[in-house]
Every structure is written in structure tokens, then in C-alpha cells.
Amino acid sequence: MRPLYSFGKTITAADRRKTFRAFAKKAMPKALVSSLLVLTTAFSPIAGELDLVETAEAADDTILLRVCNWEEYMDLGGWEDDEVIDLESGDIFGEKALYEDFEDWYYETYGQKVKVEYSCFGTNEELYNMLTLGDTYDLVCPSEYMIMKLMSEDWLVPYSDEFFDETNENNYYVRNVSPFIEETLSTHEINGEYWNKYMAGYMWGITGILYNPNEMTREEASTWSVLNNPDFYRQVTIKDNVRDSYFAAMAALKADMLTSDEFVNDENYSDNLMAEMNDVSDETIESIQDYLQDVKNNVYSFETDSGKADMITGKVLGNYQWSGDAVYAMDQAEEDGLYLEFAVPEECTNMWFDGWVMLKNGIGQDSAKQQAAEAFVNFLSMPENAVRNMYYIGYTSVISGGMDGDVIYEYLEWNYGAEDEEDAVEYDLTYFFDPEDTTGEYVLTTYEEQTRRQLYAQYPLEDVINRSAIMEYFDSDVNAKINQMWINVRCYNLRNVPFWGWIIILIAFVAMISFFVYEKKNTIKAEKADKIR
């Protein structure tokens, strides 16, 4: 989905100096170390490019913070001059990467130097494999189900009590996280512990169908069964990962029940929906396998990232998509004169979260490093930095503004507000910004088309949120069954071979054996003939 970057890995002169200090600290007196550093710097051919020489003692005080995030999932700076976001509260501009700005902010705020070693991963599973193979990080940003897995396997360090102190003006996360997001994280648990103890939210969203309204109606796109709709044979795509595809198939198979008045109007609707969408019984897994086999025969492809380009170029008409990537695709298509929309299936949608967690094998018992990690989360949670990230990557921050003003809402108005109110509609986002507000302060005046496009994808309406479900993680036994199901779907399921197919396979096998025996006999005859001669 995003190209791989790995920052902080280049060997620079400063790195060589640091290595020298580490060696010298063990082998030489401190006075001699300082003298040698002065001499090596003075005579270095690249001395003019180096920072001011620090003493060995000062170098030891620098905190190394190892951060691993999704590829291209943070503002890396380098904005063009015409990309300034000019809000009433002030201009927002990304000159340097946010993690570099954090280094400066941390020193200014705490008087302590920190160096961020920033690297990336491509999938949750890739991150997990990296960790199990011994890679060490202090702060990582997996999705909710992988966070649940890491919690259950005791990988994580809980956030400190100080992190949740709302009176601390530097605790931007707890002061500015959306009340809706915080309630979600504080009411879901794994093994008796709530998510928000170990996870600080970063980005969130839903899944749905990106579609071409000139070729597909909104009604056709507003159901998961579009993936198996023969009217769109080889014209839709599905995600090439088991969790997203499992969810879509589950919703399609249970569509009648999920949309029935009895189910929707039940007072325990949300809990019932969660239970149904996390059904991992053997019967359900088998049904989903059969359904996805049919879907496989109907879709254009299983894809991870190519679906956006296929929609933009018109190769396909519908694409199962994450909300943030849908925003990107709609933006890019619009530049090419193509109008795309985003629909959320009526059965339900998958709500997902990516969040920051601290790892025991990195943080350990190092209180200074934990403070730096928590400060990194707080820095990203400054409203202006949350805006930078949303502008850069297209996904939706969990930050709503809270105690530090309405910068996020200003950004929405800047991005989606309607200038001509005669052609506008009201778009109520009170649930996200302040559920207790009764003044209509967070009812955005926007253009009607945005109720089907970028705004709708980034900030879905409350009725969409009400029919959303979070997928929980699979334990090892269930995971093995579902992975085998996925192998059967993506490769080939022998159980689906018809009787006549087995006959053909048997005939081919017999023919192959016969040919082998025939060739062997001819070889033996030839060898005997050679001996006689």
C-alpha cells in the first residue's frame, strides 16, 4: 500500500563519532576521550558538516527512541509552498518530517536530547514476524487485532499514570482524543484488561465499497454481495487478506439477519453485531470458504494496493477499500476527471484502529525512554500535527481537538465547508467531537456530494458508526483453521474438484505411470542389446 522507508540508518560522520565515543568510554580516561574528539573533529575533512562537538558524557545522555510505523503513515515534510493550510487559528505547514520536529520539541520542552530511529513495516503480520525474529523497537503502531494479540502474549508496557494526567498541558493525547474514540478503547478489553491501558489511538476508519456511480448504482454498491454480483463479473476487486475478506463474506452470508428489524432494533444490537461478526465456528468457516470460492470466480482480482489504480484507470467499477485509501483514490481520480464515490454496506462495516504501543523488549524498565515514547505520542496528538498527518496520508486521526481548541474542526471546514449555502447540506459530526454538545457547533455545512465522497469516508455519519463492528484477534487454534481456509480459497480447494475431474486426474496419473514404465522397459532392452554386442 505504501513504499518502504527506513530512516536513521545512514552511517554519517556523527554516527562514526558516536561509535568512537562508545569504544573510548570503555578503553580510555574521560579527559583523553575529550581531547581526541577535539583533535579528530579539527582534522576531519568533513568537520564543517558536523554538529558542535559534544563530550562523551553528553552523548551518553541522548535517548535513542526506536519507532516502527506503517509505510508512508506519517508526515515526512517537504511540502510545496502552495500546500500551506491557512486556518483562522494559524498556518500549518510540513517542512521537516514530524519525527524530526519531535526531536527539537522534546529538547525544548524537557531539556533532554532524543534521537528517533524511524523505520517501517508493510503488514501487521510482517511486524509480528520482525518482533519474533528479534528486532527491537520501543514504540510501534499495529492495528487493533494485532494489539490484542500482543496484549494477550504479554509483549506490551502499559502507559504510565502520568500520561493520563489531563492537567499536564503537554499531555496532548488525553486532552485531545475524540470522546467517541476514547469510549471505544476504554470499553473493549482482552483478557480482562482494557485497550486504552496499553494503546493510544493514532488513526481509525471503516471499510466499504469505492465505486464508479456512472456504472454502478449506490444501492448496488451498498451491500457486500456486490463482490459476488454476476452483473459485475470481473469488474470488482476484493482485499487480498484473510481478515477483511472473512468479514465481508460473513456480512454477505448473514445479510438477511443483519438487516432484519428484529435484529437491528434489539436493545443489545451492538453486542449482538460484534458477536455475529466474530463468529469462528467450524460451520461458519466452511460456509465462508465456499462463499469466497464463488467470489473468487466473480471478482477481477484479490488486491492489496492495486485496487486504487484500477479504479482510477477505469479497469474496474467497484473496489473493497479502506476509508483512507478511498479518499486518496477519489482525490486522484478527480484530477483525471473521473468522479468516484464511497458506500458503506447496509449490513454493517468493519471499524478498525491503528494505535501506538510500547514494547517490553525495547522500553524495559527504562523510565526515561518510556517518557520519550509517551511524549512522542503526545507530540503527534497536537491538533496541528494531527492535521499534518491527515493531510499527508488521507486517513483520519483519533484526535478531535478537545482542550486545545477546534483546529481539527477548522481543518474540516477548510477542506469540506460549503461556500454557497444554497447548495449545501448539514453534516452532523457531534458524536466525534463532543457528544454532549446541544448547540449544533459541530454540524458542518458542506456540499451534498460530500455525503457520498471524501468527507463521508473520513468522517462517517453516526448511523454508519452504529452499524460498525470491530474484528477481534484469532487465537492460535482458530487462526490455523482460518489460514487453512484462506489457502484453500487463494490456491485451490481439492474438495471442490467434481467427480469427472477426479476421473481425468486418475487417467492422467495412470497414463504418466504407464509412460514411465514403457520408457523404463525400453531402456532395459537397450542396455541388454549393448551388452550382447
Protein backbone atom coordinates (compact mmCIF):
# COMPACT_ATOMS: atom_id res chain seq x y z
CA MET A 1 0.00 0.00 0.00
CA ARG A 2 2.84 2.39 0.80
CA PRO A 3 6.51 2.33 -0.28
CA LEU A 4 9.01 1.17 2.30
CA TYR A 5 11.16 3.75 4.04
CA SER A 6 13.80 3.20 6.69
CA PHE A 7 15.18 6.32 8.30
CA GLY A 8 18.03 6.82 10.77
CA LYS A 9 20.07 4.01 9.19
CA THR A 10 22.62 6.01 7.12
CA ILE A 11 26.12 5.92 8.57
CA THR A 12 27.15 9.56 8.97
CA ALA A 13 30.17 11.25 10.45
CA ALA A 14 28.13 11.85 13.58
CA ASP A 15 27.41 8.12 13.78
CA ARG A 16 31.12 7.35 13.49
CA ARG A 17 31.83 9.80 16.29
CA LYS A 18 29.19 8.12 18.41
CA THR A 19 30.75 4.69 17.80
CA PHE A 20 34.13 6.10 18.71
CA ARG A 21 32.78 7.55 21.96
CA ALA A 22 31.23 4.21 22.92
CA PHE A 23 34.55 2.45 22.37
CA ALA A 24 36.62 5.15 24.03
CA LYS A 25 34.38 5.27 27.07
CA LYS A 26 35.34 1.71 27.86
CA ALA A 27 39.01 1.91 26.93
CA MET A 28 40.24 5.44 27.78
CA PRO A 29 40.11 8.04 30.55
CA LYS A 30 37.48 10.72 30.04
CA ALA A 31 39.99 13.54 29.68
CA LEU A 32 41.77 11.68 26.89
CA VAL A 33 38.45 10.96 25.17
CA SER A 34 37.55 14.65 25.09
CA SER A 35 40.98 15.59 23.76
CA LEU A 36 40.87 13.00 21.00
CA LEU A 37 37.35 14.09 20.00
CA VAL A 38 38.56 17.66 19.60
CA LEU A 39 41.53 16.53 17.52
CA THR A 40 39.56 14.16 15.26
CA THR A 41 36.93 16.82 14.65
CA ALA A 42 39.51 19.50 13.89
CA PHE A 43 41.28 17.37 11.33
CA SER A 44 38.23 15.70 9.79
CA PRO A 45 37.74 16.60 6.10
CA ILE A 46 34.02 16.87 6.76
CA ALA A 47 34.32 18.76 10.01
CA GLY A 48 32.32 21.66 8.61
CA GLU A 49 29.30 19.40 8.14
CA LEU A 50 29.29 18.09 11.69
CA ASP A 51 27.33 19.43 14.64
CA LEU A 52 29.21 21.03 17.52
CA VAL A 53 31.41 18.51 19.29
CA GLU A 54 29.80 17.09 22.40
CA THR A 55 31.57 15.50 25.32
CA ALA A 56 31.34 11.78 25.85
CA GLU A 57 29.17 12.37 28.89
CA ALA A 58 26.64 14.44 26.87
CA ALA A 59 26.41 11.77 24.18
CA ASP A 60 25.50 9.21 26.80
CA ASP A 61 22.50 11.33 27.80
CA THR A 62 20.86 11.21 24.37
CA ILE A 63 17.84 8.90 24.34
CA LEU A 64 17.56 6.60 21.32
CA LEU A 65 13.87 6.06 20.53
CA ARG A 66 13.22 3.28 18.02
CA VAL A 67 9.88 3.83 16.30
CA CYS A 68 8.32 1.47 13.75
CA ASN A 69 5.25 2.59 11.81
CA TRP A 70 3.29 1.67 8.70
CA GLU A 71 4.88 2.66 5.40
CA GLU A 72 4.13 6.30 4.47
CA TYR A 73 1.89 6.70 7.52
CA MET A 74 3.34 9.90 8.92
CA ASP A 75 4.00 13.36 7.52
CA LEU A 76 7.56 13.31 6.20
CA GLY A 77 7.63 17.02 5.38
CA GLY A 78 8.87 18.57 2.17
CA TRP A 79 5.59 20.34 1.41
CA GLU A 80 5.41 22.70 -1.54
CA ASP A 81 4.87 26.41 -0.83
CA ASP A 82 1.29 26.27 -2.13
CA GLU A 83 0.37 23.50 0.32
CA VAL A 84 0.07 25.76 3.35
CA ILE A 85 -3.11 25.05 5.31
CA ASP A 86 -4.25 28.52 6.28
CA LEU A 87 -6.67 28.20 9.18
CA GLU A 88 -8.06 31.02 11.29
CA SER A 89 -6.06 29.73 14.26
CA GLY A 90 -2.82 29.81 12.25
CA ASP A 91 -1.00 28.33 9.26
CA ILE A 92 0.03 24.67 9.19
CA PHE A 93 2.98 23.58 7.06
CA GLY A 94 5.18 20.48 6.92
CA GLU A 95 8.78 21.43 6.32
CA LYS A 96 10.56 18.56 8.09
CA ALA A 97 9.40 15.06 8.98
CA LEU A 98 7.28 15.05 12.12
CA TYR A 99 9.66 12.70 13.91
CA GLU A 100 12.47 15.19 13.29
CA ASP A 101 10.34 18.05 14.59
CA PHE A 102 9.68 15.91 17.67
CA GLU A 103 13.41 15.75 18.44
CA ASP A 104 13.55 19.55 18.52
CA TRP A 105 10.32 19.86 20.53
CA TYR A 106 11.41 17.31 23.11
CA TYR A 107 14.71 19.11 23.77
CA GLU A 108 12.94 22.48 24.02
CA THR A 109 10.28 21.04 26.35
CA TYR A 110 12.27 18.69 28.56
CA GLY A 111 15.88 19.83 28.09
CA GLN A 112 16.83 16.31 27.04
CA LYS A 113 18.16 15.19 23.67
CA VAL A 114 16.40 12.35 21.88
CA LYS A 115 17.22 10.66 18.59
CA VAL A 116 14.40 8.92 16.73
CA GLU A 117 15.35 5.89 14.69
CA TYR A 118 12.34 5.66 12.38
CA SER A 119 11.58 2.56 10.31
CA CYS A 120 8.55 0.97 8.72
CA PHE A 121 6.63 -2.27 8.16
CA GLY A 122 4.16 -3.31 5.48
CA THR A 123 1.62 -5.52 7.28
CA ASN A 124 0.69 -6.44 10.84
CA GLU A 125 1.95 -9.95 10.23
CA GLU A 126 5.27 -8.63 8.92
CA LEU A 127 5.68 -6.56 12.09
CA TYR A 128 4.90 -9.57 14.27
CA ASN A 129 7.44 -11.69 12.39
CA MET A 130 10.04 -8.95 12.79
CA LEU A 131 9.43 -8.92 16.54
CA THR A 132 9.54 -12.69 16.94
CA LEU A 133 12.78 -12.82 14.94
CA GLY A 134 14.39 -10.45 17.42
CA ASP A 135 14.00 -6.93 16.00
CA THR A 136 13.84 -4.45 18.88
CA TYR A 137 11.62 -1.36 18.93
CA ASP A 138 10.37 0.91 21.66
CA LEU A 139 7.18 2.17 20.03
CA VAL A 140 5.19 0.52 17.24
CA CYS A 141 1.83 1.18 15.57
CA PRO A 142 -0.10 -2.02 14.74
CA SER A 143 -3.83 -2.43 14.10
CA GLU A 144 -6.33 -3.28 16.82
CA TYR A 145 -6.32 -7.06 16.34
CA MET A 146 -2.53 -7.24 16.43
CA ILE A 147 -2.54 -5.06 19.55
CA MET A 148 -4.94 -7.56 21.12
CA LYS A 149 -2.55 -10.36 20.20
CA LEU A 150 0.44 -8.52 21.65
CA MET A 151 -1.52 -7.81 24.82
CA SER A 152 -2.53 -11.44 25.20
CA GLU A 153 1.09 -12.57 24.72
CA ASP A 154 2.46 -10.06 27.26
CA TRP A 155 4.60 -8.04 24.84
CA LEU A 156 3.48 -4.60 25.99
CA VAL A 157 4.27 -1.97 28.59
CA PRO A 158 1.22 -0.12 29.96
CA TYR A 159 1.07 3.65 29.68
CA SER A 160 2.07 5.46 32.87
CA ASP A 161 -0.38 7.21 35.17
CA GLU A 162 1.31 10.49 34.25
CA PHE A 163 0.33 10.00 30.60
CA PHE A 164 -3.36 10.29 31.54
CA ASP A 165 -2.99 13.47 33.63
CA GLU A 166 -5.25 15.99 31.87
CA THR A 167 -3.83 18.89 33.90
CA ASN A 168 -0.43 18.45 32.22
CA GLU A 169 -0.51 20.78 29.21
CA ASN A 170 1.99 18.56 27.37
CA ASN A 171 -0.34 15.53 27.54
CA TYR A 172 -1.93 16.32 24.19
CA TYR A 173 -3.32 12.83 23.65
CA VAL A 174 -5.56 12.55 26.71
CA ARG A 175 -6.56 16.21 26.34
CA ASN A 176 -7.49 15.96 22.66
CA VAL A 177 -8.56 12.41 21.79
CA SER A 178 -12.11 12.14 20.46
CA PRO A 179 -14.60 11.19 23.22
CA PHE A 180 -16.05 8.60 20.84
CA ILE A 181 -12.64 7.01 20.30
CA GLU A 182 -11.75 7.09 23.98
CA GLU A 183 -15.03 5.44 24.94
CA THR A 184 -14.42 2.70 22.38
CA LEU A 185 -10.90 1.98 23.63
CA SER A 186 -11.89 2.14 27.29
CA THR A 187 -14.84 -0.25 26.98
CA HIS A 188 -13.22 -3.04 24.95
CA GLU A 189 -10.94 -5.49 26.68
CA ILE A 190 -8.76 -8.50 26.16
CA ASN A 191 -8.09 -10.94 29.00
CA GLY A 192 -9.72 -8.55 31.43
CA GLU A 193 -7.62 -5.51 30.53
CA TYR A 194 -8.96 -2.54 28.59
CA TRP A 195 -7.31 -1.50 25.36
CA ASN A 196 -6.60 2.08 26.44
CA LYS A 197 -4.26 0.86 29.17
CA TYR A 198 -1.78 -0.28 26.51
CA MET A 199 -2.87 1.53 23.34
CA ALA A 200 -3.00 5.19 22.36
CA GLY A 201 -5.03 5.61 19.19
CA TYR A 202 -3.43 7.05 16.04
CA MET A 203 -5.72 6.61 13.01
CA TRP A 204 -9.12 4.99 12.61
CA GLY A 205 -11.62 4.26 9.89
CA ILE A 206 -14.08 1.88 8.31
CA THR A 207 -14.29 -0.31 5.22
CA GLY A 208 -16.67 -0.02 2.31
CA ILE A 209 -17.04 -0.03 -1.44
CA LEU A 210 -15.37 2.54 -3.67
CA TYR A 211 -17.41 2.65 -6.89
CA ASN A 212 -17.99 4.41 -10.19
CA PRO A 213 -21.50 5.94 -9.97
CA ASN A 214 -21.73 6.15 -13.75
CA GLU A 215 -21.63 2.35 -13.99
CA MET A 216 -22.88 1.13 -10.60
CA THR A 217 -25.78 2.47 -8.55
CA ARG A 218 -25.33 3.43 -4.91
CA GLU A 219 -27.82 0.73 -3.97
CA GLU A 220 -25.75 -1.90 -5.77
CA ALA A 221 -22.59 -0.67 -4.03
CA SER A 222 -24.22 -0.54 -0.59
CA THR A 223 -24.08 -4.27 0.07
CA TRP A 224 -21.25 -6.74 0.48
CA SER A 225 -22.96 -9.02 -2.04
CA VAL A 226 -21.67 -6.72 -4.80
CA LEU A 227 -18.49 -8.78 -4.62
CA ASN A 228 -20.45 -11.78 -5.87
CA ASN A 229 -22.86 -9.91 -8.14
CA PRO A 230 -22.75 -11.51 -11.63
CA ASP A 231 -23.76 -8.16 -13.17
CA PHE A 232 -20.22 -7.01 -12.31
CA TYR A 233 -18.34 -10.11 -13.42
CA ARG A 234 -14.60 -9.35 -13.41
CA GLN A 235 -15.35 -5.70 -12.60
CA VAL A 236 -14.89 -5.60 -8.81
CA THR A 237 -11.95 -6.35 -6.54
CA ILE A 238 -11.62 -7.77 -3.03
CA LYS A 239 -8.88 -7.41 -0.44
CA ASP A 240 -6.06 -9.95 -0.54
CA ASN A 241 -6.01 -10.60 3.18
CA VAL A 242 -7.97 -13.10 5.19
CA ARG A 243 -9.42 -10.79 7.85
CA ASP A 244 -11.02 -8.24 5.52
CA SER A 245 -12.30 -10.92 3.16
CA TYR A 246 -13.61 -13.02 6.06
CA PHE A 247 -15.54 -10.01 7.38
CA ALA A 248 -17.10 -9.19 4.01
CA ALA A 249 -18.11 -12.79 3.39
CA MET A 250 -19.61 -13.08 6.87
CA ALA A 251 -21.72 -9.97 6.35
CA ALA A 252 -22.91 -11.16 2.94
CA LEU A 253 -23.87 -14.61 4.24
CA LYS A 254 -25.75 -13.14 7.20
CA ALA A 255 -27.24 -10.21 5.30
CA ASP A 256 -30.91 -11.14 5.87
CA MET A 257 -30.43 -11.45 9.61
CA LEU A 258 -28.20 -8.37 9.97
CA THR A 259 -30.69 -6.12 8.21
CA SER A 260 -33.85 -7.53 9.78
CA ASP A 261 -35.92 -5.23 12.00
CA GLU A 262 -35.80 -7.74 14.83
CA PHE A 263 -32.00 -7.76 14.86
CA VAL A 264 -31.46 -4.03 14.28
CA ASN A 265 -33.99 -2.93 16.87
CA ASP A 266 -32.78 -5.23 19.63
CA GLU A 267 -31.57 -3.29 22.67
CA ASN A 268 -28.34 -5.33 22.56
CA TYR A 269 -27.79 -4.66 18.85
CA SER A 270 -24.15 -3.54 19.15
CA ASP A 271 -23.09 -6.51 21.26
CA ASN A 272 -25.03 -8.92 19.03
CA LEU A 273 -23.41 -7.45 15.93
CA MET A 274 -19.96 -7.88 17.44
CA ALA A 275 -20.74 -11.49 18.30
CA GLU A 276 -22.08 -12.30 14.83
CA MET A 277 -19.16 -10.67 13.01
CA ASN A 278 -16.66 -12.55 15.16
CA ASP A 279 -18.24 -15.95 14.57
CA VAL A 280 -15.44 -18.50 14.07
CA SER A 281 -17.37 -21.77 14.36
CA ASP A 282 -16.30 -24.60 12.08
CA GLU A 283 -19.60 -24.39 10.19
CA THR A 284 -19.17 -20.66 9.58
CA ILE A 285 -15.57 -21.04 8.42
CA GLU A 286 -16.65 -23.71 5.94
CA SER A 287 -19.53 -21.56 4.66
CA ILE A 288 -17.23 -18.59 4.23
CA GLN A 289 -14.75 -20.73 2.33
CA ASP A 290 -17.45 -21.81 -0.12
CA TYR A 291 -18.69 -18.25 -0.48
CA LEU A 292 -15.23 -16.85 -1.13
CA GLN A 293 -14.64 -19.56 -3.73
CA ASP A 294 -17.64 -18.17 -5.60
CA VAL A 295 -16.42 -14.61 -5.08
CA LYS A 296 -13.03 -15.61 -6.45
CA ASN A 297 -14.72 -16.71 -9.67
CA ASN A 298 -16.52 -13.37 -9.98
CA VAL A 299 -14.00 -10.67 -8.98
CA TYR A 300 -11.34 -9.14 -11.17
CA SER A 301 -8.64 -9.76 -8.57
CA PHE A 302 -7.63 -10.09 -4.95
CA GLU A 303 -5.54 -6.99 -4.27
CA THR A 304 -3.78 -5.08 -1.51
CA ASP A 305 -2.88 -1.80 -3.16
CA SER A 306 -3.61 -2.03 -6.89
CA GLY A 307 -7.36 -1.53 -6.44
CA LYS A 308 -6.95 2.25 -6.20
CA ALA A 309 -5.15 2.44 -9.54
CA ASP A 310 -7.62 0.02 -11.14
CA MET A 311 -10.49 2.31 -10.10
CA ILE A 312 -8.73 5.48 -11.27
CA THR A 313 -7.93 3.99 -14.67
CA GLY A 314 -11.41 2.53 -15.07
CA LYS A 315 -10.19 -1.05 -15.17
CA VAL A 316 -12.78 -1.98 -12.52
CA LEU A 317 -16.05 -0.43 -11.34
CA GLY A 318 -16.02 -1.38 -7.67
CA ASN A 319 -13.28 -1.86 -5.08
CA TYR A 320 -13.46 -3.15 -1.49
CA GLN A 321 -11.48 -0.42 0.22
CA TRP A 322 -10.28 1.09 3.48
CA SER A 323 -11.66 4.58 4.04
CA GLY A 324 -8.30 6.39 3.88
CA ASP A 325 -7.28 4.76 0.61
CA ALA A 326 -10.73 5.50 -0.76
CA VAL A 327 -10.11 9.21 -0.06
CA TYR A 328 -6.79 9.01 -1.89
CA ALA A 329 -8.38 7.28 -4.89
CA MET A 330 -11.23 9.81 -5.10
CA ASP A 331 -8.75 12.69 -4.96
CA GLN A 332 -6.53 11.21 -7.68
CA ALA A 333 -9.44 10.23 -9.91
CA GLU A 334 -10.86 13.74 -9.66
CA GLU A 335 -7.59 15.15 -11.01
CA ASP A 336 -8.09 12.90 -14.06
CA GLY A 337 -11.70 13.98 -14.49
CA LEU A 338 -13.21 10.79 -13.04
CA TYR A 339 -15.85 11.03 -10.32
CA LEU A 340 -15.87 8.22 -7.72
CA GLU A 341 -17.97 7.67 -4.61
CA PHE A 342 -17.76 5.64 -1.41
CA ALA A 343 -20.57 3.48 0.00
CA VAL A 344 -20.86 1.68 3.32
CA PRO A 345 -22.75 -1.64 3.04
CA GLU A 346 -26.12 -1.70 4.76
CA GLU A 347 -25.35 -4.97 6.56
CA CYS A 348 -22.50 -3.47 8.62
CA THR A 349 -18.96 -2.19 8.32
CA ASN A 350 -15.65 -3.07 9.93
CA MET A 351 -14.30 -0.34 12.21
CA TRP A 352 -10.54 -0.51 12.61
CA PHE A 353 -7.91 1.33 14.65
CA ASP A 354 -4.16 1.73 14.44
CA GLY A 355 -2.51 2.68 17.70
CA TRP A 356 0.81 3.25 19.43
CA VAL A 357 2.01 0.58 21.86
CA MET A 358 5.26 0.32 23.83
CA LEU A 359 7.21 -2.94 23.74
CA LYS A 360 8.79 -4.58 26.76
CA ASN A 361 11.85 -5.73 24.84
CA GLY A 362 12.57 -2.11 23.91
CA ILE A 363 11.33 0.06 26.76
CA GLY A 364 12.09 -2.43 29.50
CA GLN A 365 12.42 -0.66 32.85
CA ASP A 366 13.90 2.49 31.29
CA SER A 367 11.72 5.30 32.65
CA ALA A 368 13.49 7.96 30.56
CA LYS A 369 12.84 6.03 27.38
CA GLN A 370 9.20 5.45 28.34
CA GLN A 371 8.75 9.15 28.95
CA ALA A 372 10.20 9.88 25.49
CA ALA A 373 7.89 7.30 23.89
CA GLU A 374 4.82 8.75 25.60
CA ALA A 375 5.95 12.24 24.63
CA PHE A 376 6.22 11.12 21.01
CA VAL A 377 2.56 10.04 21.12
CA ASN A 378 1.63 13.35 22.72
CA PHE A 379 3.55 15.31 20.10
CA LEU A 380 1.69 13.55 17.28
CA SER A 381 -1.55 14.32 19.14
CA MET A 382 -1.09 18.08 18.95
CA PRO A 383 -4.05 19.18 16.80
CA GLU A 384 -1.82 20.90 14.24
CA ASN A 385 0.32 17.74 13.91
CA ALA A 386 -2.77 15.57 13.59
CA VAL A 387 -3.83 17.84 10.72
CA ARG A 388 -0.43 17.46 9.07
CA ASN A 389 -0.74 13.70 9.23
CA MET A 390 -4.30 13.67 7.87
CA TYR A 391 -3.35 15.99 5.01
CA TYR A 392 -0.29 13.90 4.17
CA ILE A 393 -1.73 10.38 4.33
CA GLY A 394 -5.50 10.82 3.84
CA TYR A 395 -6.54 8.81 6.89
CA THR A 396 -8.47 10.09 9.91
CA SER A 397 -6.79 10.97 13.20
CA VAL A 398 -8.34 9.93 16.51
CA ILE A 399 -7.69 13.49 17.68
CA SER A 400 -10.70 15.84 17.76
CA GLY A 401 -9.17 18.90 19.42
CA GLY A 402 -10.68 18.76 22.88
CA MET A 403 -8.98 21.03 25.39
CA ASP A 404 -6.64 22.60 22.86
CA GLY A 405 -9.13 24.27 20.54
CA ASP A 406 -11.02 23.42 17.38
CA VAL A 407 -8.11 23.11 14.94
CA ILE A 408 -9.37 19.75 13.66
CA TYR A 409 -12.86 21.07 13.03
CA GLU A 410 -11.39 24.18 11.39
CA TYR A 411 -9.47 21.87 9.07
CA LEU A 412 -12.70 20.09 8.14
CA GLU A 413 -14.34 23.39 7.33
CA TRP A 414 -11.25 24.44 5.34
CA ASN A 415 -11.35 21.16 3.44
CA TYR A 416 -15.07 20.44 3.04
CA GLY A 417 -17.03 23.52 4.07
CA ALA A 418 -19.53 24.88 1.55
CA GLU A 419 -19.09 28.47 0.43
CA ASP A 420 -22.51 28.62 -1.19
CA GLU A 421 -25.04 27.61 1.47
CA GLU A 422 -27.87 27.39 -1.06
CA ASP A 423 -26.33 24.22 -2.50
CA ALA A 424 -25.28 22.82 0.89
CA VAL A 425 -26.49 20.30 3.44
CA GLU A 426 -25.83 19.81 7.14
CA TYR A 427 -23.44 17.06 8.20
CA ASP A 428 -23.59 16.25 11.90
CA LEU A 429 -20.30 15.18 13.50
CA THR A 430 -21.26 15.88 17.09
CA TYR A 431 -20.68 12.24 18.08
CA PHE A 432 -16.99 12.54 17.20
CA PHE A 433 -16.18 15.98 18.59
CA ASP A 434 -18.46 16.37 21.60
CA PRO A 435 -21.40 14.00 22.19
CA GLU A 436 -22.70 16.26 24.96
CA ASP A 437 -22.95 19.35 22.77
CA THR A 438 -26.51 20.54 22.10
CA THR A 439 -25.73 23.79 20.30
CA GLY A 440 -25.04 22.34 16.86
CA GLU A 441 -21.47 23.61 16.98
CA TYR A 442 -20.20 20.51 15.17
CA VAL A 443 -22.78 20.35 12.40
CA LEU A 444 -20.74 21.04 9.28
CA THR A 445 -22.28 22.86 6.32
CA THR A 446 -20.96 21.00 3.29
CA TYR A 447 -21.84 20.21 -0.31
CA GLU A 448 -24.30 17.38 -0.83
CA GLU A 449 -21.84 15.33 -2.87
CA GLN A 450 -19.56 15.09 0.16
CA THR A 451 -22.16 12.93 1.89
CA ARG A 452 -21.04 10.26 -0.60
CA ARG A 453 -17.40 11.13 -1.07
CA GLN A 454 -14.25 12.10 0.85
CA LEU A 455 -15.92 13.58 3.93
CA TYR A 456 -18.21 10.55 4.21
CA ALA A 457 -15.20 8.23 4.05
CA GLN A 458 -13.06 10.20 6.51
CA TYR A 459 -15.82 11.02 8.99
CA PRO A 460 -18.79 8.65 8.51
CA LEU A 461 -22.12 9.68 9.97
CA GLU A 462 -23.34 8.31 13.29
CA ASP A 463 -25.74 5.83 11.68
CA VAL A 464 -22.72 4.20 9.99
CA ILE A 465 -20.85 4.08 13.30
CA ASN A 466 -23.86 2.44 14.90
CA ARG A 467 -23.70 -0.47 12.45
CA SER A 468 -19.97 -0.97 12.72
CA ALA A 469 -18.19 -3.90 14.34
CA ILE A 470 -14.61 -4.46 15.40
CA MET A 471 -12.99 -7.76 14.49
CA GLU A 472 -11.19 -9.39 17.39
CA TYR A 473 -7.99 -11.33 17.06
CA PHE A 474 -7.98 -15.08 16.38
CA ASP A 475 -6.29 -17.36 18.89
CA SER A 476 -3.77 -19.90 17.58
CA ASP A 477 -6.28 -22.73 17.01
CA VAL A 478 -8.81 -20.57 15.20
CA ASN A 479 -6.06 -18.79 13.32
CA ALA A 480 -4.80 -22.11 11.95
CA LYS A 481 -8.28 -23.06 10.73
CA ILE A 482 -8.93 -19.71 9.10
CA ASN A 483 -5.50 -19.62 7.47
CA GLN A 484 -6.12 -23.06 6.01
CA MET A 485 -9.47 -21.84 4.72
CA TRP A 486 -7.71 -18.90 3.10
CA ILE A 487 -5.12 -21.17 1.49
CA ASN A 488 -7.95 -23.23 0.05
CA VAL A 489 -9.56 -20.10 -1.35
CA ARG A 490 -6.44 -18.45 -2.71
CA CYS A 491 -4.87 -21.63 -4.03
CA TYR A 492 -7.21 -24.48 -4.78
CA ASN A 493 -9.61 -26.49 -2.67
CA LEU A 494 -9.44 -30.17 -3.62
CA ARG A 495 -12.88 -30.73 -2.13
CA ASN A 496 -14.34 -28.64 -4.94
CA VAL A 497 -12.99 -30.90 -7.68
CA PRO A 498 -16.02 -32.61 -9.35
CA PHE A 499 -16.24 -36.36 -9.84
CA TRP A 500 -15.42 -36.13 -13.55
CA GLY A 501 -12.39 -34.03 -12.61
CA TRP A 502 -11.08 -36.81 -10.40
CA ILE A 503 -11.58 -39.27 -13.31
CA ILE A 504 -9.47 -37.06 -15.57
CA ILE A 505 -6.79 -36.73 -12.90
CA LEU A 506 -6.77 -40.52 -12.40
CA ILE A 507 -6.49 -41.16 -16.16
CA ALA A 508 -3.65 -38.67 -16.43
CA PHE A 509 -1.88 -40.28 -13.48
CA VAL A 510 -2.23 -43.78 -14.96
CA ALA A 511 -1.00 -42.52 -18.34
CA MET A 512 2.03 -40.94 -16.70
CA ILE A 513 2.89 -44.16 -14.83
CA SER A 514 2.41 -46.22 -17.99
CA PHE A 515 4.68 -43.92 -19.94
CA PHE A 516 7.32 -44.17 -17.20
CA VAL A 517 7.13 -48.00 -17.21
CA TYR A 518 7.28 -48.06 -21.00
CA GLU A 519 10.37 -45.86 -21.08
CA LYS A 520 12.00 -47.95 -18.36
CA LYS A 521 11.43 -51.19 -20.32
CA ASN A 522 12.90 -49.64 -23.46
CA THR A 523 15.96 -48.52 -21.50
CA ILE A 524 16.50 -52.03 -20.10
CA LYS A 525 16.13 -53.59 -23.58
CA ALA A 526 18.67 -51.14 -25.00
CA GLU A 527 21.16 -51.90 -22.21
CA LYS A 528 20.82 -55.68 -22.85
CA ALA A 529 21.34 -55.17 -26.58
CA ASP A 530 24.53 -53.19 -25.91
CA LYS A 531 25.89 -55.98 -23.72
CA ILE A 532 25.20 -58.61 -26.42
CA ARG A 533 27.07 -56.50 -28.94
